[in-house]
C-alpha atoms as a PDB file:
ATOM      1  CA  UNK A   1     -15.317  10.897 -12.148  1.00  0.00           C
ATOM      2  CA  UNK A   2     -11.648  11.381 -12.494  1.00  0.00           C
ATOM      3  CA  UNK A   3      -9.330   9.723  -9.927  1.00  0.00           C
ATOM      4  CA  UNK A   4      -5.775  10.580  -9.051  1.00  0.00           C
ATOM      5  CA  UNK A   5      -3.306   7.817  -9.936  1.00  0.00           C
ATOM      6  CA  UNK A   6       0.328   7.107  -9.679  1.00  0.00           C
ATOM      7  CA  UNK A   7       2.294   4.675 -11.675  1.00  0.00           C
ATOM      8  CA  UNK A   8       5.888   3.592 -11.353  1.00  0.00           C
ATOM      9  CA  UNK A   9       7.632   1.467 -13.794  1.00  0.00           C
ATOM     10  CA  UNK A  10      11.131  -0.115 -14.204  1.00  0.00           C
ATOM     11  CA  UNK A  11      12.715  -0.201 -17.662  1.00  0.00           C
ATOM     12  CA  UNK A  12      15.412  -2.733 -18.610  1.00  0.00           C
ATOM     13  CA  UNK A  13      19.018  -1.330 -18.152  1.00  0.00           C
ATOM     14  CA  UNK A  14      20.247  -2.283 -21.574  1.00  0.00           C
ATOM     15  CA  UNK A  15      18.319   0.701 -23.159  1.00  0.00           C
ATOM     16  CA  UNK A  16      20.062   3.827 -24.291  1.00  0.00           C
ATOM     17  CA  UNK A  17      19.007   7.203 -22.793  1.00  0.00           C
ATOM     18  CA  UNK A  18      17.083   7.831 -26.113  1.00  0.00           C
ATOM     19  CA  UNK A  19      15.245   4.474 -26.045  1.00  0.00           C
ATOM     20  CA  UNK A  20      14.268   5.045 -22.445  1.00  0.00           C
ATOM     21  CA  UNK A  21      12.827   8.288 -23.175  1.00  0.00           C
ATOM     22  CA  UNK A  22      11.079   7.014 -26.150  1.00  0.00           C
ATOM     23  CA  UNK A  23       9.455   4.405 -23.990  1.00  0.00           C
ATOM     24  CA  UNK A  24       8.270   6.978 -21.336  1.00  0.00           C
ATOM     25  CA  UNK A  25       6.767   9.123 -24.141  1.00  0.00           C
ATOM     26  CA  UNK A  26       4.945   6.080 -25.543  1.00  0.00           C
ATOM     27  CA  UNK A  27       3.283   5.597 -22.174  1.00  0.00           C
ATOM     28  CA  UNK A  28       2.484   9.193 -21.869  1.00  0.00           C
ATOM     29  CA  UNK A  29       0.886   9.096 -25.260  1.00  0.00           C
ATOM     30  CA  UNK A  30      -1.293   6.157 -24.178  1.00  0.00           C
ATOM     31  CA  UNK A  31      -2.476   7.995 -21.174  1.00  0.00           C
ATOM     32  CA  UNK A  32      -3.216  11.320 -23.231  1.00  0.00           C
ATOM     33  CA  UNK A  33      -4.891   9.425 -25.918  1.00  0.00           C
ATOM     34  CA  UNK A  34      -7.401   7.837 -23.567  1.00  0.00           C
ATOM     35  CA  UNK A  35      -8.324  11.235 -21.956  1.00  0.00           C
ATOM     36  CA  UNK A  36      -5.957  11.304 -18.853  1.00  0.00           C
ATOM     37  CA  UNK A  37      -4.208  14.425 -17.693  1.00  0.00           C
ATOM     38  CA  UNK A  38      -0.663  13.973 -16.654  1.00  0.00           C
ATOM     39  CA  UNK A  39       0.013  16.077 -13.603  1.00  0.00           C
ATOM     40  CA  UNK A  40       3.659  15.079 -12.700  1.00  0.00           C
ATOM     41  CA  UNK A  41       6.493  13.070 -14.420  1.00  0.00           C
ATOM     42  CA  UNK A  42       9.766  12.151 -12.553  1.00  0.00           C
ATOM     43  CA  UNK A  43      12.709  10.252 -13.920  1.00  0.00           C
ATOM     44  CA  UNK A  44      14.552   8.613 -11.043  1.00  0.00           C
ATOM     45  CA  UNK A  45      17.239   7.153 -13.309  1.00  0.00           C
ATOM     46  CA  UNK A  46      19.158   4.102 -13.170  1.00  0.00           C
ATOM     47  CA  UNK A  47      18.899   2.386  -9.716  1.00  0.00           C
ATOM     48  CA  UNK A  48      19.901  -0.916  -8.107  1.00  0.00           C
ATOM     49  CA  UNK A  49      17.096  -3.360  -7.839  1.00  0.00           C
ATOM     50  CA  UNK A  50      16.370  -4.929  -4.535  1.00  0.00           C
ATOM     51  CA  UNK A  51      16.593  -8.437  -6.157  1.00  0.00           C
ATOM     52  CA  UNK A  52      17.445  -9.619  -9.572  1.00  0.00           C
ATOM     53  CA  UNK A  53      14.512  -9.660 -12.247  1.00  0.00           C
ATOM     54  CA  UNK A  54      15.183 -11.502 -15.462  1.00  0.00           C
ATOM     55  CA  UNK A  55      18.807 -11.733 -14.423  1.00  0.00           C
ATOM     56  CA  UNK A  56      19.216  -7.962 -14.233  1.00  0.00           C
ATOM     57  CA  UNK A  57      20.275  -5.924 -11.121  1.00  0.00           C
ATOM     58  CA  UNK A  58      19.559  -2.429 -12.170  1.00  0.00           C
ATOM     59  CA  UNK A  59      16.759  -0.708 -14.045  1.00  0.00           C
ATOM     60  CA  UNK A  60      15.471   2.727 -15.107  1.00  0.00           C
ATOM     61  CA  UNK A  61      12.782   3.918 -12.779  1.00  0.00           C
ATOM     62  CA  UNK A  62      10.050   6.319 -13.807  1.00  0.00           C
ATOM     63  CA  UNK A  63       6.952   7.724 -12.140  1.00  0.00           C
ATOM     64  CA  UNK A  64       3.806   9.230 -13.640  1.00  0.00           C
ATOM     65  CA  UNK A  65       1.038  10.940 -11.865  1.00  0.00           C
ATOM     66  CA  UNK A  66      -2.144  11.489 -13.695  1.00  0.00           C
ATOM     67  CA  UNK A  67      -5.954  12.070 -13.469  1.00  0.00           C
ATOM     68  CA  UNK A  68      -8.164   9.619 -15.452  1.00  0.00           C
ATOM     69  CA  UNK A  69     -11.065   7.404 -15.542  1.00  0.00           C
ATOM     70  CA  UNK A  70     -10.476   3.877 -14.046  1.00  0.00           C
ATOM     71  CA  UNK A  71     -10.690   2.389 -17.454  1.00  0.00           C
ATOM     72  CA  UNK A  72      -7.563   4.053 -18.589  1.00  0.00           C
ATOM     73  CA  UNK A  73      -5.501   2.260 -16.019  1.00  0.00           C
ATOM     74  CA  UNK A  74      -6.507  -1.151 -17.677  1.00  0.00           C
ATOM     75  CA  UNK A  75      -5.358   0.088 -21.096  1.00  0.00           C
ATOM     76  CA  UNK A  76      -2.029   1.429 -19.549  1.00  0.00           C
ATOM     77  CA  UNK A  77      -1.285  -1.910 -17.950  1.00  0.00           C
ATOM     78  CA  UNK A  78      -1.933  -3.858 -21.061  1.00  0.00           C
ATOM     79  CA  UNK A  79       0.472  -1.757 -22.697  1.00  0.00           C
ATOM     80  CA  UNK A  80       3.046  -2.358 -19.891  1.00  0.00           C
ATOM     81  CA  UNK A  81       2.510  -6.143 -20.214  1.00  0.00           C
ATOM     82  CA  UNK A  82       3.076  -6.292 -23.939  1.00  0.00           C
ATOM     83  CA  UNK A  83       6.275  -4.050 -23.738  1.00  0.00           C
ATOM     84  CA  UNK A  84       9.290  -6.231 -23.332  1.00  0.00           C
ATOM     85  CA  UNK A  85      11.245  -3.208 -22.049  1.00  0.00           C
ATOM     86  CA  UNK A  86       9.237  -3.107 -18.773  1.00  0.00           C
ATOM     87  CA  UNK A  87      10.608  -5.207 -16.068  1.00  0.00           C
ATOM     88  CA  UNK A  88       8.124  -4.306 -13.359  1.00  0.00           C
ATOM     89  CA  UNK A  89       5.229  -1.744 -12.930  1.00  0.00           C
ATOM     90  CA  UNK A  90       2.885  -0.558 -10.246  1.00  0.00           C
ATOM     91  CA  UNK A  91      -0.207   1.575 -10.797  1.00  0.00           C
ATOM     92  CA  UNK A  92      -2.366   2.727  -7.735  1.00  0.00           C
ATOM     93  CA  UNK A  93      -5.187   5.154  -6.919  1.00  0.00           C
ATOM     94  CA  UNK A  94      -4.136   7.922  -4.717  1.00  0.00           C
ATOM     95  CA  UNK A  95      -6.424   8.678  -1.617  1.00  0.00           C
ATOM     96  CA  UNK A  96      -6.835  12.223  -0.382  1.00  0.00           C
ATOM     97  CA  UNK A  97      -3.825  11.972   2.061  1.00  0.00           C
ATOM     98  CA  UNK A  98      -1.462  10.353  -0.490  1.00  0.00           C
ATOM     99  CA  UNK A  99      -2.676  12.876  -3.156  1.00  0.00           C
ATOM    100  CA  UNK A 100      -1.840  15.872  -0.593  1.00  0.00           C
ATOM    101  CA  UNK A 101       1.512  14.314   0.068  1.00  0.00           C
ATOM    102  CA  UNK A 102       2.208  13.992  -3.754  1.00  0.00           C
ATOM    103  CA  UNK A 103       1.100  17.684  -4.313  1.00  0.00           C
ATOM    104  CA  UNK A 104       3.561  18.713  -1.511  1.00  0.00           C
ATOM    105  CA  UNK A 105       6.379  16.644  -2.801  1.00  0.00           C
ATOM    106  CA  UNK A 106       5.741  18.093  -6.374  1.00  0.00           C
ATOM    107  CA  UNK A 107       6.059  21.650  -4.858  1.00  0.00           C
ATOM    108  CA  UNK A 108       9.254  20.937  -3.064  1.00  0.00           C
ATOM    109  CA  UNK A 109      10.791  19.471  -6.345  1.00  0.00           C
ATOM    110  CA  UNK A 110       9.835  22.532  -8.337  1.00  0.00           C
ATOM    111  CA  UNK A 111      11.425  24.793  -5.432  1.00  0.00           C
ATOM    112  CA  UNK A 112      14.657  22.695  -5.868  1.00  0.00           C
ATOM    113  CA  UNK A 113      14.768  23.237  -9.550  1.00  0.00           C
ATOM    114  CA  UNK A 114      14.492  26.975  -9.192  1.00  0.00           C
ATOM    115  CA  UNK A 115      17.440  27.210  -6.828  1.00  0.00           C
END
């Protein structure tokens, strides 16, 4: 049974744009290799952190939505923990209401890109 998941991770701000994109591609590859289907990807860019993490006050935020088995999340979080570029991460399963909201938000984002 596939569940709907959403993961948000913060990458260290000392990375170049190419390094940041390479890190995101690495995490996407881990998901697809383990049988997950990526449904949405959002790059929120460089943002100020609410509090300093490892003496850094900013970080690159990224969001991935995917459908996968629960075992895939454990593999992904192991990769997050081993990667020194990741400051923080949060992965959670979307219930039906959160999934509906995420689909609505994704639809609004695609309409904005068209205009």
